[in-house]
Amino acid sequence: MSRIEIVDAFITTLNRERKLRIYLPKNHDSVRCPVLYMHDGQNLFSDEDAAYGESWGVQAAADAYYRQHGKGLIIVGIDN
């Protein structure tokens, strides 16, 4: 099963922290996966965190891709 990890990362060029929301497919620890970086991380996965109350459904789309193709990818969402 996929999962979302949330990490606070200090970005030196901005001199502040940003929240990273990281989607990990169920096989991420046993195979190499490509990584997709996306802006507006707060909007990607959870309706509760989305700016306008509805997420972009990225986790559901990535899970569907995994089921159809047997390949996963790691998605790193960087909060605004």
PDB file of N, CA and C in Angstrom:
ATOM      1  N   MET A   1       0.842  -1.187   0.000  1.00  0.00           N
ATOM      2  CA  MET A   1       0.000   0.000   0.000  1.00  0.00           C
ATOM      3  C   MET A   1       0.883   1.245   0.000  1.00  0.00           C
ATOM      4  N   SER A   2       0.469   2.237  -0.738  1.00  0.00           N
ATOM      5  CA  SER A   2       1.230   3.485  -0.775  1.00  0.00           C
ATOM      6  C   SER A   2       1.012   4.261   0.521  1.00  0.00           C
ATOM      7  N   ARG A   3       1.901   5.222   0.739  1.00  0.00           N
ATOM      8  CA  ARG A   3       1.736   6.072   1.920  1.00  0.00           C
ATOM      9  C   ARG A   3       2.303   7.459   1.633  1.00  0.00           C
ATOM     10  N   ILE A   4       1.889   8.406   2.450  1.00  0.00           N
ATOM     11  CA  ILE A   4       2.379   9.775   2.362  1.00  0.00           C
ATOM     12  C   ILE A   4       3.179  10.064   3.624  1.00  0.00           C
ATOM     13  N   GLU A   5       4.404  10.529   3.446  1.00  0.00           N
ATOM     14  CA  GLU A   5       5.217  10.986   4.572  1.00  0.00           C
ATOM     15  C   GLU A   5       5.322  12.501   4.487  1.00  0.00           C
ATOM     16  N   ILE A   6       5.243  13.158   5.631  1.00  0.00           N
ATOM     17  CA  ILE A   6       5.357  14.613   5.680  1.00  0.00           C
ATOM     18  C   ILE A   6       6.614  14.966   6.462  1.00  0.00           C
ATOM     19  N   VAL A   7       7.456  15.791   5.834  1.00  0.00           N
ATOM     20  CA  VAL A   7       8.757  16.142   6.401  1.00  0.00           C
ATOM     21  C   VAL A   7       8.919  17.655   6.327  1.00  0.00           C
ATOM     22  N   ASP A   8       9.433  18.263   7.394  1.00  0.00           N
ATOM     23  CA  ASP A   8       9.804  19.674   7.353  1.00  0.00           C
ATOM     24  C   ASP A   8      11.260  19.762   6.943  1.00  0.00           C
ATOM     25  N   ALA A   9      11.536  20.540   5.892  1.00  0.00           N
ATOM     26  CA  ALA A   9      12.902  20.668   5.379  1.00  0.00           C
ATOM     27  C   ALA A   9      13.293  22.139   5.381  1.00  0.00           C
ATOM     28  N   PHE A  10      14.496  22.421   5.845  1.00  0.00           N
ATOM     29  CA  PHE A  10      15.004  23.789   5.827  1.00  0.00           C
ATOM     30  C   PHE A  10      15.622  24.056   4.465  1.00  0.00           C
ATOM     31  N   ILE A  11      15.170  25.114   3.820  1.00  0.00           N
ATOM     32  CA  ILE A  11      15.685  25.487   2.504  1.00  0.00           C
ATOM     33  C   ILE A  11      16.577  26.708   2.692  1.00  0.00           C
ATOM     34  N   THR A  12      17.869  26.502   2.507  1.00  0.00           N
ATOM     35  CA  THR A  12      18.844  27.552   2.831  1.00  0.00           C
ATOM     36  C   THR A  12      18.676  28.797   1.967  1.00  0.00           C
ATOM     37  N   THR A  13      18.364  28.642   0.694  1.00  0.00           N
ATOM     38  CA  THR A  13      18.231  29.821  -0.168  1.00  0.00           C
ATOM     39  C   THR A  13      17.037  30.693   0.218  1.00  0.00           C
ATOM     40  N   LEU A  14      16.030  30.110   0.836  1.00  0.00           N
ATOM     41  CA  LEU A  14      14.868  30.868   1.309  1.00  0.00           C
ATOM     42  C   LEU A  14      14.993  31.247   2.778  1.00  0.00           C
ATOM     43  N   ASN A  15      15.941  30.617   3.468  1.00  0.00           N
ATOM     44  CA  ASN A  15      16.160  30.822   4.901  1.00  0.00           C
ATOM     45  C   ASN A  15      14.893  30.532   5.715  1.00  0.00           C
ATOM     46  N   ARG A  16      14.199  29.462   5.348  1.00  0.00           N
ATOM     47  CA  ARG A  16      13.012  29.037   6.103  1.00  0.00           C
ATOM     48  C   ARG A  16      12.678  27.584   5.784  1.00  0.00           C
ATOM     49  N   GLU A  17      11.756  27.058   6.576  1.00  0.00           N
ATOM     50  CA  GLU A  17      11.328  25.674   6.369  1.00  0.00           C
ATOM     51  C   GLU A  17      10.176  25.609   5.377  1.00  0.00           C
ATOM     52  N   ARG A  18      10.135  24.501   4.664  1.00  0.00           N
ATOM     53  CA  ARG A  18       9.010  24.166   3.799  1.00  0.00           C
ATOM     54  C   ARG A  18       8.617  22.732   4.107  1.00  0.00           C
ATOM     55  N   LYS A  19       7.344  22.477   4.040  1.00  0.00           N
ATOM     56  CA  LYS A  19       6.838  21.127   4.262  1.00  0.00           C
ATOM     57  C   LYS A  19       6.923  20.358   2.946  1.00  0.00           C
ATOM     58  N   LEU A  20       7.462  19.144   3.021  1.00  0.00           N
ATOM     59  CA  LEU A  20       7.509  18.245   1.876  1.00  0.00           C
ATOM     60  C   LEU A  20       6.521  17.118   2.135  1.00  0.00           C
ATOM     61  N   ARG A  21       5.683  16.827   1.165  1.00  0.00           N
ATOM     62  CA  ARG A  21       4.733  15.718   1.249  1.00  0.00           C
ATOM     63  C   ARG A  21       5.191  14.696   0.225  1.00  0.00           C
ATOM     64  N   ILE A  22       5.580  13.529   0.707  1.00  0.00           N
ATOM     65  CA  ILE A  22       6.248  12.545  -0.143  1.00  0.00           C
ATOM     66  C   ILE A  22       5.374  11.306  -0.294  1.00  0.00           C
ATOM     67  N   TYR A  23       4.975  11.038  -1.526  1.00  0.00           N
ATOM     68  CA  TYR A  23       4.203   9.838  -1.855  1.00  0.00           C
ATOM     69  C   TYR A  23       5.189   8.713  -2.123  1.00  0.00           C
ATOM     70  N   LEU A  24       5.004   7.602  -1.419  1.00  0.00           N
ATOM     71  CA  LEU A  24       5.855   6.426  -1.592  1.00  0.00           C
ATOM     72  C   LEU A  24       4.998   5.246  -2.037  1.00  0.00           C
ATOM     73  N   PRO A  25       5.276   4.696  -3.230  1.00  0.00           N
ATOM     74  CA  PRO A  25       4.521   3.519  -3.675  1.00  0.00           C
ATOM     75  C   PRO A  25       4.894   2.308  -2.831  1.00  0.00           C
ATOM     76  N   LYS A  26       4.068   1.284  -2.878  1.00  0.00           N
ATOM     77  CA  LYS A  26       4.290   0.140  -1.986  1.00  0.00           C
ATOM     78  C   LYS A  26       5.596  -0.591  -2.241  1.00  0.00           C
ATOM     79  N   ASN A  27       6.168  -0.486  -3.422  1.00  0.00           N
ATOM     80  CA  ASN A  27       7.404  -1.216  -3.716  1.00  0.00           C
ATOM     81  C   ASN A  27       8.647  -0.331  -3.686  1.00  0.00           C
ATOM     82  N   HIS A  28       8.553   0.861  -3.129  1.00  0.00           N
ATOM     83  CA  HIS A  28       9.665   1.807  -3.213  1.00  0.00           C
ATOM     84  C   HIS A  28      10.948   1.316  -2.549  1.00  0.00           C
ATOM     85  N   ASP A  29      10.840   0.428  -1.583  1.00  0.00           N
ATOM     86  CA  ASP A  29      12.040  -0.033  -0.876  1.00  0.00           C
ATOM     87  C   ASP A  29      12.715  -1.224  -1.555  1.00  0.00           C
ATOM     88  N   SER A  30      12.087  -1.793  -2.589  1.00  0.00           N
ATOM     89  CA  SER A  30      12.682  -2.962  -3.244  1.00  0.00           C
ATOM     90  C   SER A  30      13.102  -2.712  -4.692  1.00  0.00           C
ATOM     91  N   VAL A  31      12.647  -1.618  -5.282  1.00  0.00           N
ATOM     92  CA  VAL A  31      13.027  -1.288  -6.665  1.00  0.00           C
ATOM     93  C   VAL A  31      13.326   0.206  -6.770  1.00  0.00           C
ATOM     94  N   ARG A  32      14.102   0.551  -7.791  1.00  0.00           N
ATOM     95  CA  ARG A  32      14.365   1.967  -8.052  1.00  0.00           C
ATOM     96  C   ARG A  32      13.129   2.580  -8.698  1.00  0.00           C
ATOM     97  N   CYS A  33      12.778   3.755  -8.243  1.00  0.00           N
ATOM     98  CA  CYS A  33      11.601   4.445  -8.772  1.00  0.00           C
ATOM     99  C   CYS A  33      11.998   5.839  -9.253  1.00  0.00           C
ATOM    100  N   PRO A  34      11.411   6.295 -10.354  1.00  0.00           N
ATOM    101  CA  PRO A  34      11.631   7.682 -10.753  1.00  0.00           C
ATOM    102  C   PRO A  34      10.982   8.617  -9.734  1.00  0.00           C
ATOM    103  N   VAL A  35      11.438   9.859  -9.703  1.00  0.00           N
ATOM    104  CA  VAL A  35      10.911  10.844  -8.762  1.00  0.00           C
ATOM    105  C   VAL A  35      10.324  12.014  -9.542  1.00  0.00           C
ATOM    106  N   LEU A  36       9.120  12.413  -9.150  1.00  0.00           N
ATOM    107  CA  LEU A  36       8.447  13.568  -9.727  1.00  0.00           C
ATOM    108  C   LEU A  36       8.339  14.624  -8.635  1.00  0.00           C
ATOM    109  N   TYR A  37       8.817  15.837  -8.912  1.00  0.00           N
ATOM    110  CA  TYR A  37       8.716  16.955  -7.974  1.00  0.00           C
ATOM    111  C   TYR A  37       7.581  17.865  -8.427  1.00  0.00           C
ATOM    112  N   MET A  38       6.714  18.233  -7.470  1.00  0.00           N
ATOM    113  CA  MET A  38       5.560  19.067  -7.801  1.00  0.00           C
ATOM    114  C   MET A  38       5.457  20.228  -6.819  1.00  0.00           C
ATOM    115  N   HIS A  39       5.044  21.382  -7.333  1.00  0.00           N
ATOM    116  CA  HIS A  39       4.771  22.552  -6.495  1.00  0.00           C
ATOM    117  C   HIS A  39       3.399  22.405  -5.839  1.00  0.00           C
ATOM    118  N   ASP A  40       3.101  23.298  -4.902  1.00  0.00           N
ATOM    119  CA  ASP A  40       1.806  23.327  -4.214  1.00  0.00           C
ATOM    120  C   ASP A  40       1.484  21.990  -3.555  1.00  0.00           C
ATOM    121  N   GLY A  41       2.461  21.442  -2.851  1.00  0.00           N
ATOM    122  CA  GLY A  41       2.321  20.136  -2.213  1.00  0.00           C
ATOM    123  C   GLY A  41       1.102  19.999  -1.324  1.00  0.00           C
ATOM    124  N   GLN A  42       0.670  21.096  -0.709  1.00  0.00           N
ATOM    125  CA  GLN A  42      -0.498  21.047   0.173  1.00  0.00           C
ATOM    126  C   GLN A  42      -1.764  20.669  -0.586  1.00  0.00           C
ATOM    127  N   ASN A  43      -1.774  20.839  -1.904  1.00  0.00           N
ATOM    128  CA  ASN A  43      -2.963  20.545  -2.712  1.00  0.00           C
ATOM    129  C   ASN A  43      -2.970  19.150  -3.324  1.00  0.00           C
ATOM    130  N   LEU A  44      -1.890  18.406  -3.215  1.00  0.00           N
ATOM    131  CA  LEU A  44      -1.741  17.183  -3.993  1.00  0.00           C
ATOM    132  C   LEU A  44      -2.551  15.997  -3.489  1.00  0.00           C
ATOM    133  N   PHE A  45      -2.545  15.752  -2.183  1.00  0.00           N
ATOM    134  CA  PHE A  45      -2.997  14.459  -1.675  1.00  0.00           C
ATOM    135  C   PHE A  45      -4.248  14.493  -0.796  1.00  0.00           C
ATOM    136  N   SER A  46      -4.409  15.505   0.014  1.00  0.00           N
ATOM    137  CA  SER A  46      -5.435  15.485   1.057  1.00  0.00           C
ATOM    138  C   SER A  46      -6.399  16.662   0.925  1.00  0.00           C
ATOM    139  N   ASP A  47      -7.696  16.374   0.932  1.00  0.00           N
ATOM    140  CA  ASP A  47      -8.693  17.443   0.904  1.00  0.00           C
ATOM    141  C   ASP A  47      -8.550  18.351   2.118  1.00  0.00           C
ATOM    142  N   GLU A  48      -8.207  17.787   3.267  1.00  0.00           N
ATOM    143  CA  GLU A  48      -8.089  18.564   4.501  1.00  0.00           C
ATOM    144  C   GLU A  48      -6.977  19.605   4.415  1.00  0.00           C
ATOM    145  N   ASP A  49      -5.926  19.321   3.665  1.00  0.00           N
ATOM    146  CA  ASP A  49      -4.790  20.236   3.557  1.00  0.00           C
ATOM    147  C   ASP A  49      -4.871  21.150   2.340  1.00  0.00           C
ATOM    148  N   ALA A  50      -5.739  20.838   1.394  1.00  0.00           N
ATOM    149  CA  ALA A  50      -5.811  21.590   0.136  1.00  0.00           C
ATOM    150  C   ALA A  50      -6.326  23.009   0.367  1.00  0.00           C
ATOM    151  N   ALA A  51      -5.792  23.943  -0.394  1.00  0.00           N
ATOM    152  CA  ALA A  51      -6.122  25.357  -0.229  1.00  0.00           C
ATOM    153  C   ALA A  51      -7.615  25.637  -0.393  1.00  0.00           C
ATOM    154  N   TYR A  52      -8.297  24.936  -1.281  1.00  0.00           N
ATOM    155  CA  TYR A  52      -9.712  25.199  -1.535  1.00  0.00           C
ATOM    156  C   TYR A  52     -10.606  24.019  -1.169  1.00  0.00           C
ATOM    157  N   GLY A  53     -10.097  23.147  -0.283  1.00  0.00           N
ATOM    158  CA  GLY A  53     -10.914  22.066   0.248  1.00  0.00           C
ATOM    159  C   GLY A  53     -11.003  20.812  -0.597  1.00  0.00           C
ATOM    160  N   GLU A  54     -10.342  20.804  -1.755  1.00  0.00           N
ATOM    161  CA  GLU A  54     -10.357  19.611  -2.607  1.00  0.00           C
ATOM    162  C   GLU A  54      -8.967  19.400  -3.196  1.00  0.00           C
ATOM    163  N   SER A  55      -8.400  18.219  -2.924  1.00  0.00           N
ATOM    164  CA  SER A  55      -7.051  17.924  -3.425  1.00  0.00           C
ATOM    165  C   SER A  55      -7.086  17.635  -4.914  1.00  0.00           C
ATOM    166  N   TRP A  56      -5.911  17.545  -5.493  1.00  0.00           N
ATOM    167  CA  TRP A  56      -5.786  17.230  -6.917  1.00  0.00           C
ATOM    168  C   TRP A  56      -5.859  15.729  -7.181  1.00  0.00           C
ATOM    169  N   GLY A  57      -5.958  14.917  -6.139  1.00  0.00           N
ATOM    170  CA  GLY A  57      -6.116  13.473  -6.307  1.00  0.00           C
ATOM    171  C   GLY A  57      -4.877  12.761  -6.822  1.00  0.00           C
ATOM    172  N   VAL A  58      -3.711  13.285  -6.500  1.00  0.00           N
ATOM    173  CA  VAL A  58      -2.466  12.723  -7.032  1.00  0.00           C
ATOM    174  C   VAL A  58      -2.201  11.317  -6.493  1.00  0.00           C
ATOM    175  N   GLN A  59      -2.499  11.060  -5.224  1.00  0.00           N
ATOM    176  CA  GLN A  59      -2.272   9.722  -4.679  1.00  0.00           C
ATOM    177  C   GLN A  59      -3.147   8.697  -5.391  1.00  0.00           C
ATOM    178  N   ALA A  60      -4.406   9.008  -5.607  1.00  0.00           N
ATOM    179  CA  ALA A  60      -5.304   8.077  -6.307  1.00  0.00           C
ATOM    180  C   ALA A  60      -4.819   7.820  -7.731  1.00  0.00           C
ATOM    181  N   ALA A  61      -4.353   8.864  -8.412  1.00  0.00           N
ATOM    182  CA  ALA A  61      -3.854   8.702  -9.783  1.00  0.00           C
ATOM    183  C   ALA A  61      -2.590   7.851  -9.811  1.00  0.00           C
ATOM    184  N   ALA A  62      -1.677   8.092  -8.871  1.00  0.00           N
ATOM    185  CA  ALA A  62      -0.433   7.308  -8.822  1.00  0.00           C
ATOM    186  C   ALA A  62      -0.720   5.855  -8.450  1.00  0.00           C
ATOM    187  N   ASP A  63      -1.657   5.632  -7.535  1.00  0.00           N
ATOM    188  CA  ASP A  63      -2.039   4.258  -7.178  1.00  0.00           C
ATOM    189  C   ASP A  63      -2.649   3.536  -8.380  1.00  0.00           C
ATOM    190  N   ALA A  64      -3.491   4.230  -9.144  1.00  0.00           N
ATOM    191  CA  ALA A  64      -4.109   3.628 -10.332  1.00  0.00           C
ATOM    192  C   ALA A  64      -3.045   3.289 -11.375  1.00  0.00           C
ATOM    193  N   TYR A  65      -2.074   4.165 -11.554  1.00  0.00           N
ATOM    194  CA  TYR A  65      -0.985   3.901 -12.501  1.00  0.00           C
ATOM    195  C   TYR A  65      -0.212   2.651 -12.079  1.00  0.00           C
ATOM    196  N   TYR A  66       0.051   2.534 -10.781  1.00  0.00           N
ATOM    197  CA  TYR A  66       0.775   1.361 -10.270  1.00  0.00           C
ATOM    198  C   TYR A  66      -0.016   0.077 -10.545  1.00  0.00           C
ATOM    199  N   ARG A  67      -1.315   0.114 -10.286  1.00  0.00           N
ATOM    200  CA  ARG A  67      -2.152  -1.073 -10.525  1.00  0.00           C
ATOM    201  C   ARG A  67      -2.173  -1.458 -12.006  1.00  0.00           C
ATOM    202  N   GLN A  68      -2.210  -0.489 -12.877  1.00  0.00           N
ATOM    203  CA  GLN A  68      -2.298  -0.760 -14.316  1.00  0.00           C
ATOM    204  C   GLN A  68      -0.975  -1.194 -14.928  1.00  0.00           C
ATOM    205  N   HIS A  69       0.136  -0.629 -14.447  1.00  0.00           N
ATOM    206  CA  HIS A  69       1.425  -0.844 -15.103  1.00  0.00           C
ATOM    207  C   HIS A  69       2.446  -1.601 -14.258  1.00  0.00           C
ATOM    208  N   GLY A  70       2.148  -1.786 -12.970  1.00  0.00           N
ATOM    209  CA  GLY A  70       3.089  -2.483 -12.096  1.00  0.00           C
ATOM    210  C   GLY A  70       4.353  -1.700 -11.811  1.00  0.00           C
ATOM    211  N   LYS A  71       4.316  -0.399 -12.068  1.00  0.00           N
ATOM    212  CA  LYS A  71       5.465   0.471 -11.820  1.00  0.00           C
ATOM    213  C   LYS A  71       5.013   1.632 -10.952  1.00  0.00           C
ATOM    214  N   GLY A  72       5.868   1.997 -10.015  1.00  0.00           N
ATOM    215  CA  GLY A  72       5.544   3.116  -9.152  1.00  0.00           C
ATOM    216  C   GLY A  72       6.498   4.270  -9.365  1.00  0.00           C
ATOM    217  N   LEU A  73       6.134   5.405  -8.813  1.00  0.00           N
ATOM    218  CA  LEU A  73       7.028   6.543  -8.793  1.00  0.00           C
ATOM    219  C   LEU A  73       6.888   7.234  -7.456  1.00  0.00           C
ATOM    220  N   ILE A  74       7.931   7.908  -7.069  1.00  0.00           N
ATOM    221  CA  ILE A  74       7.927   8.698  -5.846  1.00  0.00           C
ATOM    222  C   ILE A  74       7.547  10.114  -6.241  1.00  0.00           C
ATOM    223  N   ILE A  75       6.631  10.709  -5.487  1.00  0.00           N
ATOM    224  CA  ILE A  75       6.204  12.075  -5.777  1.00  0.00           C
ATOM    225  C   ILE A  75       6.528  12.937  -4.565  1.00  0.00           C
ATOM    226  N   VAL A  76       7.292  13.997  -4.792  1.00  0.00           N
ATOM    227  CA  VAL A  76       7.654  14.933  -3.733  1.00  0.00           C
ATOM    228  C   VAL A  76       6.898  16.227  -3.986  1.00  0.00           C
ATOM    229  N   GLY A  77       5.978  16.550  -3.097  1.00  0.00           N
ATOM    230  CA  GLY A  77       5.228  17.799  -3.191  1.00  0.00           C
ATOM    231  C   GLY A  77       5.828  18.823  -2.251  1.00  0.00           C
ATOM    232  N   ILE A  78       6.169  19.984  -2.784  1.00  0.00           N
ATOM    233  CA  ILE A  78       6.770  21.061  -2.001  1.00  0.00           C
ATOM    234  C   ILE A  78       5.681  22.091  -1.736  1.00  0.00           C
ATOM    235  N   ASP A  79       5.359  22.302  -0.457  1.00  0.00           N
ATOM    236  CA  ASP A  79       4.297  23.247  -0.111  1.00  0.00           C
ATOM    237  C   ASP A  79       4.620  24.646  -0.620  1.00  0.00           C
ATOM    238  N   ASN A  80       3.570  25.408  -0.861  1.00  0.00           N
ATOM    239  CA  ASN A  80       3.689  26.779  -1.331  1.00  0.00           C
ATOM    240  C   ASN A  80       4.233  27.670  -0.235  1.00  0.00           C
TER     241      ASN A  80
END
